[in-house]
Each structure stands twice: as structure tokens, then as C-alpha cells.
PDB file of N, CA and C in Angstrom:
ATOM      1  N   MET A   1       5.954  20.489 -19.632  1.00  0.00           N
ATOM      2  CA  MET A   1       4.945  20.194 -20.625  1.00  0.00           C
ATOM      3  C   MET A   1       4.450  21.510 -21.222  1.00  0.00           C
ATOM      4  N   ALA A   2       4.444  21.610 -22.509  1.00  0.00           N
ATOM      5  CA  ALA A   2       4.017  22.828 -23.197  1.00  0.00           C
ATOM      6  C   ALA A   2       2.497  22.908 -23.242  1.00  0.00           C
ATOM      7  N   ARG A   3       2.009  24.139 -23.271  1.00  0.00           N
ATOM      8  CA  ARG A   3       0.567  24.350 -23.401  1.00  0.00           C
ATOM      9  C   ARG A   3       0.117  24.037 -24.809  1.00  0.00           C
ATOM     10  N   PRO A   4      -1.109  23.494 -24.958  1.00  0.00           N
ATOM     11  CA  PRO A   4      -1.605  23.254 -26.315  1.00  0.00           C
ATOM     12  C   PRO A   4      -1.850  24.584 -27.032  1.00  0.00           C
ATOM     13  N   LYS A   5      -1.678  24.579 -28.343  1.00  0.00           N
ATOM     14  CA  LYS A   5      -1.882  25.798 -29.114  1.00  0.00           C
ATOM     15  C   LYS A   5      -3.351  26.188 -29.114  1.00  0.00           C
ATOM     16  N   GLN A   6      -3.588  27.470 -29.002  1.00  0.00           N
ATOM     17  CA  GLN A   6      -4.946  28.009 -29.036  1.00  0.00           C
ATOM     18  C   GLN A   6      -5.372  28.173 -30.492  1.00  0.00           C
ATOM     19  N   ALA A   7      -6.647  27.958 -30.763  1.00  0.00           N
ATOM     20  CA  ALA A   7      -7.170  28.154 -32.122  1.00  0.00           C
ATOM     21  C   ALA A   7      -7.142  29.634 -32.491  1.00  0.00           C
ATOM     22  N   GLU A   8      -7.216  30.473 -31.480  1.00  0.00           N
ATOM     23  CA  GLU A   8      -7.248  31.911 -31.711  1.00  0.00           C
ATOM     24  C   GLU A   8      -6.410  32.583 -30.630  1.00  0.00           C
ATOM     25  N   THR A   9      -5.654  33.599 -30.998  1.00  0.00           N
ATOM     26  CA  THR A   9      -4.864  34.309 -29.995  1.00  0.00           C
ATOM     27  C   THR A   9      -5.784  35.209 -29.172  1.00  0.00           C
ATOM     28  N   MET A  10      -5.368  35.507 -27.958  1.00  0.00           N
ATOM     29  CA  MET A  10      -6.172  36.337 -27.065  1.00  0.00           C
ATOM     30  C   MET A  10      -5.489  37.670 -26.852  1.00  0.00           C
ATOM     31  N   SER A  11      -6.290  38.679 -26.606  1.00  0.00           N
ATOM     32  CA  SER A  11      -5.799  40.006 -26.274  1.00  0.00           C
ATOM     33  C   SER A  11      -6.317  40.372 -24.893  1.00  0.00           C
ATOM     34  N   ALA A  12      -5.527  41.108 -24.161  1.00  0.00           N
ATOM     35  CA  ALA A  12      -5.937  41.557 -22.833  1.00  0.00           C
ATOM     36  C   ALA A  12      -6.673  42.889 -22.947  1.00  0.00           C
ATOM     37  N   ILE A  13      -7.722  43.023 -22.146  1.00  0.00           N
ATOM     38  CA  ILE A  13      -8.436  44.296 -22.059  1.00  0.00           C
ATOM     39  C   ILE A  13      -8.612  44.637 -20.586  1.00  0.00           C
ATOM     40  N   SER A  14      -8.821  45.888 -20.314  1.00  0.00           N
ATOM     41  CA  SER A  14      -9.055  46.333 -18.947  1.00  0.00           C
ATOM     42  C   SER A  14     -10.440  46.959 -18.891  1.00  0.00           C
ATOM     43  N   VAL A  15     -11.208  46.582 -17.881  1.00  0.00           N
ATOM     44  CA  VAL A  15     -12.579  47.067 -17.757  1.00  0.00           C
ATOM     45  C   VAL A  15     -12.825  47.487 -16.314  1.00  0.00           C
ATOM     46  N   ARG A  16     -13.460  48.620 -16.146  1.00  0.00           N
ATOM     47  CA  ARG A  16     -13.865  49.051 -14.810  1.00  0.00           C
ATOM     48  C   ARG A  16     -15.308  48.628 -14.593  1.00  0.00           C
ATOM     49  N   LEU A  17     -15.560  47.962 -13.472  1.00  0.00           N
ATOM     50  CA  LEU A  17     -16.900  47.488 -13.154  1.00  0.00           C
ATOM     51  C   LEU A  17     -17.265  47.911 -11.736  1.00  0.00           C
ATOM     52  N   PRO A  18     -18.554  48.163 -11.510  1.00  0.00           N
ATOM     53  CA  PRO A  18     -18.981  48.460 -10.136  1.00  0.00           C
ATOM     54  C   PRO A  18     -18.760  47.239  -9.239  1.00  0.00           C
ATOM     55  N   LYS A  19     -18.520  47.488  -7.967  1.00  0.00           N
ATOM     56  CA  LYS A  19     -18.273  46.387  -7.029  1.00  0.00           C
ATOM     57  C   LYS A  19     -19.427  45.401  -7.006  1.00  0.00           C
ATOM     58  N   SER A  20     -20.653  45.899  -7.165  1.00  0.00           N
ATOM     59  CA  SER A  20     -21.811  45.005  -7.144  1.00  0.00           C
ATOM     60  C   SER A  20     -21.781  44.029  -8.324  1.00  0.00           C
ATOM     61  N   MET A  21     -21.323  44.503  -9.480  1.00  0.00           N
ATOM     62  CA  MET A  21     -21.246  43.636 -10.656  1.00  0.00           C
ATOM     63  C   MET A  21     -20.122  42.614 -10.485  1.00  0.00           C
ATOM     64  N   ILE A  22     -19.025  43.033  -9.889  1.00  0.00           N
ATOM     65  CA  ILE A  22     -17.914  42.111  -9.628  1.00  0.00           C
ATOM     66  C   ILE A  22     -18.380  41.015  -8.670  1.00  0.00           C
ATOM     67  N   ALA A  23     -19.187  41.386  -7.686  1.00  0.00           N
ATOM     68  CA  ALA A  23     -19.722  40.395  -6.749  1.00  0.00           C
ATOM     69  C   ALA A  23     -20.605  39.387  -7.487  1.00  0.00           C
ATOM     70  N   GLU A  24     -21.395  39.866  -8.448  1.00  0.00           N
ATOM     71  CA  GLU A  24     -22.241  38.955  -9.231  1.00  0.00           C
ATOM     72  C   GLU A  24     -21.392  38.018 -10.086  1.00  0.00           C
ATOM     73  N   VAL A  25     -20.320  38.534 -10.670  1.00  0.00           N
ATOM     74  CA  VAL A  25     -19.410  37.704 -11.469  1.00  0.00           C
ATOM     75  C   VAL A  25     -18.781  36.634 -10.576  1.00  0.00           C
ATOM     76  N   ASP A  26     -18.373  37.036  -9.383  1.00  0.00           N
ATOM     77  CA  ASP A  26     -17.773  36.078  -8.447  1.00  0.00           C
ATOM     78  C   ASP A  26     -18.771  34.992  -8.054  1.00  0.00           C
ATOM     79  N   GLU A  27     -20.045  35.371  -7.880  1.00  0.00           N
ATOM     80  CA  GLU A  27     -21.077  34.382  -7.577  1.00  0.00           C
ATOM     81  C   GLU A  27     -21.231  33.396  -8.737  1.00  0.00           C
ATOM     82  N   CYS A  28     -21.188  33.911  -9.959  1.00  0.00           N
ATOM     83  CA  CYS A  28     -21.261  33.043 -11.142  1.00  0.00           C
ATOM     84  C   CYS A  28     -20.077  32.088 -11.174  1.00  0.00           C
ATOM     85  N   ALA A  29     -18.884  32.605 -10.862  1.00  0.00           N
ATOM     86  CA  ALA A  29     -17.683  31.759 -10.846  1.00  0.00           C
ATOM     87  C   ALA A  29     -17.836  30.644  -9.821  1.00  0.00           C
ATOM     88  N   GLU A  30     -18.349  30.973  -8.646  1.00  0.00           N
ATOM     89  CA  GLU A  30     -18.548  29.962  -7.598  1.00  0.00           C
ATOM     90  C   GLU A  30     -19.553  28.905  -8.056  1.00  0.00           C
ATOM     91  N   ARG A  31     -20.624  29.359  -8.679  1.00  0.00           N
ATOM     92  CA  ARG A  31     -21.653  28.432  -9.152  1.00  0.00           C
ATOM     93  C   ARG A  31     -21.103  27.506 -10.245  1.00  0.00           C
ATOM     94  N   LEU A  32     -20.344  28.088 -11.179  1.00  0.00           N
ATOM     95  CA  LEU A  32     -19.736  27.269 -12.229  1.00  0.00           C
ATOM     96  C   LEU A  32     -18.777  26.248 -11.643  1.00  0.00           C
ATOM     97  N   GLU A  33     -18.040  26.664 -10.625  1.00  0.00           N
ATOM     98  CA  GLU A  33     -17.090  25.758  -9.984  1.00  0.00           C
ATOM     99  C   GLU A  33     -17.821  24.615  -9.274  1.00  0.00           C
ATOM    100  N   GLU A  34     -18.982  24.918  -8.680  1.00  0.00           N
ATOM    101  CA  GLU A  34     -19.779  23.875  -8.029  1.00  0.00           C
ATOM    102  C   GLU A  34     -20.310  22.874  -9.064  1.00  0.00           C
ATOM    103  N   GLU A  35     -20.677  23.378 -10.249  1.00  0.00           N
ATOM    104  CA  GLU A  35     -21.217  22.526 -11.306  1.00  0.00           C
ATOM    105  C   GLU A  35     -20.143  21.689 -11.994  1.00  0.00           C
ATOM    106  N   THR A  36     -18.905  22.136 -11.911  1.00  0.00           N
ATOM    107  CA  THR A  36     -17.788  21.413 -12.516  1.00  0.00           C
ATOM    108  C   THR A  36     -16.708  21.212 -11.446  1.00  0.00           C
ATOM    109  N   PRO A  37     -16.925  20.256 -10.539  1.00  0.00           N
ATOM    110  CA  PRO A  37     -16.054  20.111  -9.372  1.00  0.00           C
ATOM    111  C   PRO A  37     -14.584  19.823  -9.662  1.00  0.00           C
ATOM    112  N   LEU A  38     -14.258  19.306 -10.816  1.00  0.00           N
ATOM    113  CA  LEU A  38     -12.852  19.013 -11.111  1.00  0.00           C
ATOM    114  C   LEU A  38     -12.098  20.197 -11.695  1.00  0.00           C
ATOM    115  N   PHE A  39     -12.806  21.311 -11.936  1.00  0.00           N
ATOM    116  CA  PHE A  39     -12.181  22.491 -12.530  1.00  0.00           C
ATOM    117  C   PHE A  39     -12.204  23.661 -11.565  1.00  0.00           C
ATOM    118  N   SER A  40     -11.154  24.448 -11.619  1.00  0.00           N
ATOM    119  CA  SER A  40     -11.093  25.684 -10.853  1.00  0.00           C
ATOM    120  C   SER A  40     -11.508  26.813 -11.791  1.00  0.00           C
ATOM    121  N   ILE A  41     -12.540  27.552 -11.437  1.00  0.00           N
ATOM    122  CA  ILE A  41     -13.064  28.621 -12.284  1.00  0.00           C
ATOM    123  C   ILE A  41     -12.658  29.964 -11.689  1.00  0.00           C
ATOM    124  N   SER A  42     -11.909  30.724 -12.445  1.00  0.00           N
ATOM    125  CA  SER A  42     -11.475  32.040 -11.980  1.00  0.00           C
ATOM    126  C   SER A  42     -12.495  33.103 -12.377  1.00  0.00           C
ATOM    127  N   ARG A  43     -12.312  34.292 -11.852  1.00  0.00           N
ATOM    128  CA  ARG A  43     -13.163  35.421 -12.237  1.00  0.00           C
ATOM    129  C   ARG A  43     -13.056  35.660 -13.740  1.00  0.00           C
ATOM    130  N   THR A  44     -11.856  35.542 -14.286  1.00  0.00           N
ATOM    131  CA  THR A  44     -11.645  35.732 -15.720  1.00  0.00           C
ATOM    132  C   THR A  44     -12.411  34.696 -16.529  1.00  0.00           C
ATOM    133  N   ASP A  45     -12.367  33.437 -16.087  1.00  0.00           N
ATOM    134  CA  ASP A  45     -13.122  32.378 -16.762  1.00  0.00           C
ATOM    135  C   ASP A  45     -14.615  32.691 -16.743  1.00  0.00           C
ATOM    136  N   ALA A  46     -15.109  33.154 -15.594  1.00  0.00           N
ATOM    137  CA  ALA A  46     -16.530  33.478 -15.466  1.00  0.00           C
ATOM    138  C   ALA A  46     -16.908  34.622 -16.396  1.00  0.00           C
ATOM    139  N   ILE A  47     -16.064  35.638 -16.486  1.00  0.00           N
ATOM    140  CA  ILE A  47     -16.346  36.772 -17.369  1.00  0.00           C
ATOM    141  C   ILE A  47     -16.379  36.311 -18.822  1.00  0.00           C
ATOM    142  N   ARG A  48     -15.434  35.442 -19.224  1.00  0.00           N
ATOM    143  CA  ARG A  48     -15.442  34.909 -20.589  1.00  0.00           C
ATOM    144  C   ARG A  48     -16.738  34.156 -20.871  1.00  0.00           C
ATOM    145  N   CYS A  49     -17.137  33.319 -19.927  1.00  0.00           N
ATOM    146  CA  CYS A  49     -18.358  32.527 -20.066  1.00  0.00           C
ATOM    147  C   CYS A  49     -19.578  33.444 -20.190  1.00  0.00           C
ATOM    148  N   LEU A  50     -19.677  34.436 -19.325  1.00  0.00           N
ATOM    149  CA  LEU A  50     -20.804  35.367 -19.358  1.00  0.00           C
ATOM    150  C   LEU A  50     -20.837  36.166 -20.656  1.00  0.00           C
ATOM    151  N   LEU A  51     -19.670  36.547 -21.151  1.00  0.00           N
ATOM    152  CA  LEU A  51     -19.609  37.260 -22.439  1.00  0.00           C
ATOM    153  C   LEU A  51     -20.079  36.367 -23.579  1.00  0.00           C
ATOM    154  N   GLN A  52     -19.651  35.105 -23.566  1.00  0.00           N
ATOM    155  CA  GLN A  52     -20.092  34.174 -24.616  1.00  0.00           C
ATOM    156  C   GLN A  52     -21.599  33.998 -24.590  1.00  0.00           C
ATOM    157  N   ILE A  53     -22.164  33.854 -23.406  1.00  0.00           N
ATOM    158  CA  ILE A  53     -23.616  33.708 -23.273  1.00  0.00           C
ATOM    159  C   ILE A  53     -24.319  34.977 -23.756  1.00  0.00           C
ATOM    160  N   GLY A  54     -23.810  36.121 -23.345  1.00  0.00           N
ATOM    161  CA  GLY A  54     -24.405  37.398 -23.753  1.00  0.00           C
ATOM    162  C   GLY A  54     -24.336  37.621 -25.250  1.00  0.00           C
ATOM    163  N   LEU A  55     -23.214  37.301 -25.850  1.00  0.00           N
ATOM    164  CA  LEU A  55     -23.068  37.473 -27.303  1.00  0.00           C
ATOM    165  C   LEU A  55     -23.973  36.512 -28.064  1.00  0.00           C
ATOM    166  N   ALA A  56     -24.110  35.287 -27.558  1.00  0.00           N
ATOM    167  CA  ALA A  56     -25.000  34.314 -28.201  1.00  0.00           C
ATOM    168  C   ALA A  56     -26.451  34.801 -28.140  1.00  0.00           C
ATOM    169  N   GLU A  57     -26.842  35.338 -27.003  1.00  0.00           N
ATOM    170  CA  GLU A  57     -28.203  35.863 -26.843  1.00  0.00           C
ATOM    171  C   GLU A  57     -28.419  37.087 -27.742  1.00  0.00           C
ATOM    172  N   PHE A  58     -27.425  37.920 -27.825  1.00  0.00           N
ATOM    173  CA  PHE A  58     -27.477  39.104 -28.689  1.00  0.00           C
ATOM    174  C   PHE A  58     -27.689  38.685 -30.139  1.00  0.00           C
ATOM    175  N   GLU A  59     -26.928  37.657 -30.569  1.00  0.00           N
ATOM    176  CA  GLU A  59     -27.045  37.144 -31.933  1.00  0.00           C
ATOM    177  C   GLU A  59     -28.411  36.478 -32.145  1.00  0.00           C
ATOM    178  N   LYS A  60     -28.859  35.729 -31.143  1.00  0.00           N
ATOM    179  CA  LYS A  60     -30.147  35.042 -31.214  1.00  0.00           C
ATOM    180  C   LYS A  60     -31.290  36.035 -31.439  1.00  0.00           C
ATOM    181  N   ARG A  61     -31.177  37.198 -30.847  1.00  0.00           N
ATOM    182  CA  ARG A  61     -32.207  38.228 -30.991  1.00  0.00           C
ATOM    183  C   ARG A  61     -32.072  39.005 -32.294  1.00  0.00           C
ATOM    184  N   GLY A  62     -31.072  38.659 -33.081  1.00  0.00           N
ATOM    185  CA  GLY A  62     -30.880  39.316 -34.370  1.00  0.00           C
ATOM    186  C   GLY A  62     -30.232  40.678 -34.270  1.00  0.00           C
ATOM    187  N   LEU A  63     -29.571  40.956 -33.168  1.00  0.00           N
ATOM    188  CA  LEU A  63     -28.960  42.264 -32.956  1.00  0.00           C
ATOM    189  C   LEU A  63     -27.507  42.308 -33.393  1.00  0.00           C
ATOM    190  N   ARG A  64     -26.933  41.140 -33.681  1.00  0.00           N
ATOM    191  CA  ARG A  64     -25.523  41.059 -34.071  1.00  0.00           C
ATOM    192  C   ARG A  64     -25.432  40.345 -35.399  1.00  0.00           C
ATOM    193  N   LYS A  65     -24.670  40.925 -36.296  1.00  0.00           N
ATOM    194  CA  LYS A  65     -24.456  40.281 -37.592  1.00  0.00           C
ATOM    195  C   LYS A  65     -23.251  39.355 -37.487  1.00  0.00           C
ATOM    196  N   LYS A  66     -23.318  38.233 -38.188  1.00  0.00           N
ATOM    197  CA  LYS A  66     -22.194  37.275 -38.191  1.00  0.00           C
ATOM    198  C   LYS A  66     -21.069  37.764 -39.050  1.00  0.00           C
TER     199      LYS A  66
END
């Protein structure tokens, strides 16, 4: 079975994070997985989710132009 087409292509990036921040991301992933029991949430999924929330908040505060 083929994967559905994405609306937007993705690019890979590499980021160095302190171990404490990685632990917080992992906690977020665990919490998201508990809230959505039928889905497996990876660290990458959690980082995407946190970035979306952060960017939305940034825009909400008027710090980001559309």
C-alpha cells in the first residue's frame, strides 16, 4: 500500500539539544501518546507538535509575519 501524498514536502534538519531538553521532549511524547492511545508518538512527532505550538504562539503575539 502506497503512502498518501503529502500536501507539502519535508526537509530533514539536524539540531543539537541539551539532554535535559530531550528529556522534556520525550515526556511530551509520552503524554501525547497517553492522550491518543491508538497512535504511537515518536520524539520526532513530539518535536513537530511543539514547534507548531511555538510558532502559533509566536504568531499570536505578533512576532511573526504571515
